[in-house]
């Protein structure tokens, strides 16, 4: 199978997962870029940041038109993650490939566990700014270091820390993810100039189109069933990557 076709297929699968589940699909981008398309872990995280930025920005536009984005709160949440995303993005270029692979495996396992658990309950009571700032900073660091959007972390944080309803949390998380991913991409050494565009461009285009199809799929198939299936795939990916890092 040619690199172009493989990139299109992988991008479509990642986009489909993102569109159907509202987050977590980008976690598949890294292993696909490394093990199927031959990128190094460092190059894969940079390419993933571009893919996540483009796909999240496209989805953000759709959610904004539907009125599901809280711009002021989302901008403040994202601002807390800008510096951590930039610092982590720079640090990622200096870490050994084995460390990046092991860290990503742990993140994939965490994402799987979160998807297998019930959706978070909406908290009642006063929203504490320090908690919101801490959550935003943590998400920015994860995005910068590992090249993933972190929707599976951002949505629960917005629901439990800022008391958002689910639709607003999903829409606003896309704003946070877009800002964090773009910040980390810009601050990485070499940035977009060192990217393998023969892989990244078709992967990104297919992911964007797949995300739209994923939204339609979610309306026809049990969302909980899709989450369980995706979580099992992530657990398998995490186990494989951890084994690869330790070998």
Protein backbone atom coordinates (compact mmCIF):
# COMPACT_ATOMS: atom_id res chain seq x y z
CA UNK A 1 0.00 0.00 0.00
CA UNK A 2 1.44 3.40 -0.97
CA UNK A 3 2.24 6.04 1.65
CA UNK A 4 -0.47 8.35 0.26
CA UNK A 5 -3.23 5.76 0.50
CA UNK A 6 -2.10 4.64 3.94
CA UNK A 7 -2.04 8.26 5.18
CA UNK A 8 -5.56 8.82 3.81
CA UNK A 9 -6.89 5.65 5.46
CA UNK A 10 -5.26 6.44 8.83
CA UNK A 11 -6.48 10.04 8.72
CA UNK A 12 -10.03 8.94 7.95
CA UNK A 13 -10.05 6.53 10.91
CA UNK A 14 -8.69 9.19 13.29
CA UNK A 15 -11.20 11.77 12.05
CA UNK A 16 -14.06 9.29 12.28
CA UNK A 17 -13.18 8.56 15.90
CA UNK A 18 -12.91 12.27 16.73
CA UNK A 19 -16.23 13.08 15.12
CA UNK A 20 -18.08 10.16 16.66
CA UNK A 21 -16.67 10.38 20.18
CA UNK A 22 -15.95 14.11 20.58
CA UNK A 23 -12.40 13.47 21.73
CA UNK A 24 -9.69 10.88 22.01
CA UNK A 25 -9.35 10.15 18.30
CA UNK A 26 -6.10 12.07 18.06
CA UNK A 27 -4.54 9.54 20.44
CA UNK A 28 -4.55 7.12 17.50
CA UNK A 29 -2.66 9.56 15.28
CA UNK A 30 0.71 9.12 17.02
CA UNK A 31 0.94 5.29 16.77
CA UNK A 32 -0.36 5.43 13.19
CA UNK A 33 2.30 7.97 12.22
CA UNK A 34 5.06 5.98 13.94
CA UNK A 35 4.26 2.34 13.20
CA UNK A 36 2.36 2.56 9.92
CA UNK A 37 3.86 5.64 8.25
CA UNK A 38 7.43 5.39 9.54
CA UNK A 39 7.88 8.69 11.38
CA UNK A 40 10.07 8.98 14.47
CA UNK A 41 8.25 9.69 17.77
CA UNK A 42 9.51 13.30 17.75
CA UNK A 43 8.43 13.86 14.13
CA UNK A 44 5.11 12.13 14.80
CA UNK A 45 4.27 14.42 17.73
CA UNK A 46 4.98 17.50 15.58
CA UNK A 47 2.87 16.18 12.70
CA UNK A 48 0.11 15.24 15.16
CA UNK A 49 0.03 18.80 16.49
CA UNK A 50 -0.60 20.11 12.98
CA UNK A 51 -3.32 17.49 12.39
CA UNK A 52 -4.96 18.23 15.74
CA UNK A 53 -4.83 22.00 15.17
CA UNK A 54 -6.43 21.82 11.72
CA UNK A 55 -9.08 19.27 12.69
CA UNK A 56 -10.00 21.00 15.96
CA UNK A 57 -10.24 24.43 14.29
CA UNK A 58 -12.60 22.99 11.66
CA UNK A 59 -14.77 21.34 14.31
CA UNK A 60 -14.66 24.52 16.41
CA UNK A 61 -16.22 26.47 13.54
CA UNK A 62 -19.12 24.00 13.36
CA UNK A 63 -19.73 24.09 17.12
CA UNK A 64 -19.46 27.89 17.21
CA UNK A 65 -22.18 28.18 14.56
CA UNK A 66 -24.39 26.00 16.77
CA UNK A 67 -23.71 28.27 19.77
CA UNK A 68 -21.87 25.63 21.80
CA UNK A 69 -18.67 27.61 22.50
CA UNK A 70 -18.21 29.77 25.60
CA UNK A 71 -15.54 32.10 24.29
CA UNK A 72 -14.57 34.06 27.43
CA UNK A 73 -14.25 31.05 29.73
CA UNK A 74 -12.60 29.00 27.01
CA UNK A 75 -10.07 31.75 26.25
CA UNK A 76 -9.15 32.02 29.95
CA UNK A 77 -8.82 28.24 30.24
CA UNK A 78 -6.66 28.13 27.11
CA UNK A 79 -4.50 31.06 28.29
CA UNK A 80 -3.50 29.05 31.36
CA UNK A 81 -2.12 26.36 29.07
CA UNK A 82 -0.18 28.54 26.59
CA UNK A 83 3.12 28.72 28.51
CA UNK A 84 3.08 25.04 29.61
CA UNK A 85 2.30 24.01 26.02
CA UNK A 86 5.21 26.06 24.69
CA UNK A 87 7.68 24.80 27.31
CA UNK A 88 6.58 21.17 26.94
CA UNK A 89 6.78 21.46 23.15
CA UNK A 90 10.39 22.57 23.37
CA UNK A 91 11.21 19.86 25.92
CA UNK A 92 9.71 17.13 23.73
CA UNK A 93 12.29 17.76 20.99
CA UNK A 94 15.07 16.99 23.48
CA UNK A 95 13.67 13.80 25.02
CA UNK A 96 14.78 10.32 23.88
CA UNK A 97 12.33 8.50 21.59
CA UNK A 98 11.87 5.71 24.15
CA UNK A 99 10.76 8.21 26.81
CA UNK A 100 8.24 9.84 24.46
CA UNK A 101 6.88 6.43 23.43
CA UNK A 102 6.49 5.25 27.04
CA UNK A 103 4.83 8.53 28.09
CA UNK A 104 2.42 8.30 25.20
CA UNK A 105 1.60 4.68 26.05
CA UNK A 106 0.69 5.77 29.58
CA UNK A 107 -1.51 8.57 28.19
CA UNK A 108 -3.29 6.18 25.82
CA UNK A 109 -4.01 3.83 28.73
CA UNK A 110 -5.37 6.76 30.77
CA UNK A 111 -7.61 7.77 27.87
CA UNK A 112 -8.93 4.21 27.60
CA UNK A 113 -9.72 4.03 31.32
CA UNK A 114 -11.54 7.37 31.19
CA UNK A 115 -13.63 6.19 28.24
CA UNK A 116 -14.63 3.00 30.06
CA UNK A 117 -15.84 4.98 33.07
CA UNK A 118 -19.24 6.73 33.19
CA UNK A 119 -19.44 10.35 32.05
CA UNK A 120 -18.54 12.85 34.81
CA UNK A 121 -21.27 14.36 36.91
CA UNK A 122 -21.70 18.10 36.74
CA UNK A 123 -20.36 19.69 39.90
CA UNK A 124 -22.43 22.11 41.87
CA UNK A 125 -21.05 24.92 43.94
CA UNK A 126 -18.49 27.68 43.50
CA UNK A 127 -16.00 27.42 40.66
CA UNK A 128 -12.48 28.04 42.00
CA UNK A 129 -10.21 29.94 39.57
CA UNK A 130 -7.08 28.14 40.79
CA UNK A 131 -8.61 24.79 39.89
CA UNK A 132 -9.53 26.02 36.42
CA UNK A 133 -6.04 27.48 35.95
CA UNK A 134 -4.39 24.27 37.13
CA UNK A 135 -6.50 22.14 34.80
CA UNK A 136 -5.77 24.44 31.85
CA UNK A 137 -2.03 24.42 32.55
CA UNK A 138 -1.95 20.64 32.86
CA UNK A 139 -3.79 20.16 29.59
CA UNK A 140 -1.42 22.57 27.85
CA UNK A 141 1.60 20.61 29.08
CA UNK A 142 0.17 17.30 27.88
CA UNK A 143 -0.65 18.77 24.48
CA UNK A 144 2.81 20.27 24.06
CA UNK A 145 4.73 17.22 25.20
CA UNK A 146 2.84 14.43 23.46
CA UNK A 147 1.21 16.14 20.49
CA UNK A 148 -2.39 15.17 21.29
CA UNK A 149 -5.40 17.40 21.62
CA UNK A 150 -6.49 16.00 24.96
CA UNK A 151 -10.23 16.24 24.37
CA UNK A 152 -10.73 13.23 26.64
CA UNK A 153 -9.13 15.31 29.42
CA UNK A 154 -10.49 18.75 28.49
CA UNK A 155 -14.18 17.79 28.35
CA UNK A 156 -14.32 16.22 31.85
CA UNK A 157 -12.30 19.16 33.23
CA UNK A 158 -14.72 21.72 31.81
CA UNK A 159 -17.71 19.74 33.11
CA UNK A 160 -16.39 19.15 36.63
CA UNK A 161 -14.20 22.22 37.21
CA UNK A 162 -16.17 24.92 35.38
CA UNK A 163 -19.61 23.26 35.68
CA UNK A 164 -20.30 23.36 31.93
CA UNK A 165 -23.09 21.31 30.42
CA UNK A 166 -21.77 18.62 28.06
CA UNK A 167 -22.49 20.36 24.73
CA UNK A 168 -20.75 23.55 25.87
CA UNK A 169 -17.85 21.52 27.26
CA UNK A 170 -17.28 19.73 23.95
CA UNK A 171 -17.48 22.94 21.92
CA UNK A 172 -15.31 24.98 24.28
CA UNK A 173 -12.73 22.20 24.57
CA UNK A 174 -12.10 22.56 20.83
CA UNK A 175 -11.10 26.19 21.39
CA UNK A 176 -8.69 25.15 24.16
CA UNK A 177 -7.23 22.32 22.07
CA UNK A 178 -6.75 24.54 19.01
CA UNK A 179 -4.90 27.22 21.01
CA UNK A 180 -2.68 24.73 22.87
CA UNK A 181 -1.81 22.72 19.76
CA UNK A 182 -1.01 25.80 17.69
CA UNK A 183 1.15 27.26 20.47
CA UNK A 184 3.18 24.08 20.83
CA UNK A 185 3.54 23.66 17.06
CA UNK A 186 4.87 27.22 16.64
CA UNK A 187 7.39 26.93 19.47
CA UNK A 188 8.83 23.56 18.43
CA UNK A 189 12.30 23.67 16.94
CA UNK A 190 11.97 23.63 13.15
CA UNK A 191 8.17 23.85 13.34
CA UNK A 192 6.25 23.10 10.16
CA UNK A 193 9.37 23.45 8.01
CA UNK A 194 10.67 20.08 9.17
CA UNK A 195 7.40 18.22 8.65
CA UNK A 196 6.90 15.37 6.19
CA UNK A 197 4.12 16.98 4.16
CA UNK A 198 3.71 13.93 1.92
CA UNK A 199 2.32 12.18 5.01
CA UNK A 200 0.90 15.05 7.08
CA UNK A 201 -1.14 16.83 4.38
CA UNK A 202 -3.26 13.85 3.20
CA UNK A 203 -3.58 12.59 6.78
CA UNK A 204 -4.95 15.99 7.87
CA UNK A 205 -7.37 16.31 4.95
CA UNK A 206 -8.78 12.83 5.52
CA UNK A 207 -9.09 13.48 9.27
CA UNK A 208 -11.12 16.65 8.68
CA UNK A 209 -13.49 14.88 6.29
CA UNK A 210 -13.70 11.85 8.58
CA UNK A 211 -14.71 14.03 11.53
CA UNK A 212 -17.82 15.18 9.66
CA UNK A 213 -18.76 11.56 8.88
CA UNK A 214 -18.12 10.64 12.49
CA UNK A 215 -20.74 13.11 13.68
CA UNK A 216 -23.30 11.40 11.44
CA UNK A 217 -22.17 7.96 12.64
CA UNK A 218 -22.65 8.97 16.26
CA UNK A 219 -26.30 9.74 15.55
CA UNK A 220 -26.91 6.17 14.33
CA UNK A 221 -24.78 4.01 16.62
CA UNK A 222 -24.72 3.73 20.40
CA UNK A 223 -22.19 6.27 21.67
CA UNK A 224 -21.43 4.14 24.74
CA UNK A 225 -20.76 1.11 22.56
CA UNK A 226 -18.40 3.10 20.35
CA UNK A 227 -16.55 4.37 23.41
CA UNK A 228 -16.03 0.85 24.78
CA UNK A 229 -14.75 -0.43 21.45
CA UNK A 230 -12.40 2.52 21.07
CA UNK A 231 -11.16 2.13 24.64
CA UNK A 232 -10.22 -1.50 23.99
CA UNK A 233 -8.30 -0.46 20.87
CA UNK A 234 -6.44 2.18 22.88
CA UNK A 235 -5.52 -0.34 25.58
CA UNK A 236 -4.06 -2.63 22.93
CA UNK A 237 -2.12 0.27 21.38
CA UNK A 238 -0.82 1.34 24.81
CA UNK A 239 0.39 -2.19 25.62
CA UNK A 240 2.14 -2.49 22.25
CA UNK A 241 3.86 0.90 22.53
CA UNK A 242 4.96 0.29 26.12
CA UNK A 243 6.45 -3.04 25.12
CA UNK A 244 8.24 -1.36 22.22
CA UNK A 245 9.66 1.36 24.50
CA UNK A 246 10.99 -1.16 27.01
CA UNK A 247 12.63 -3.44 24.44
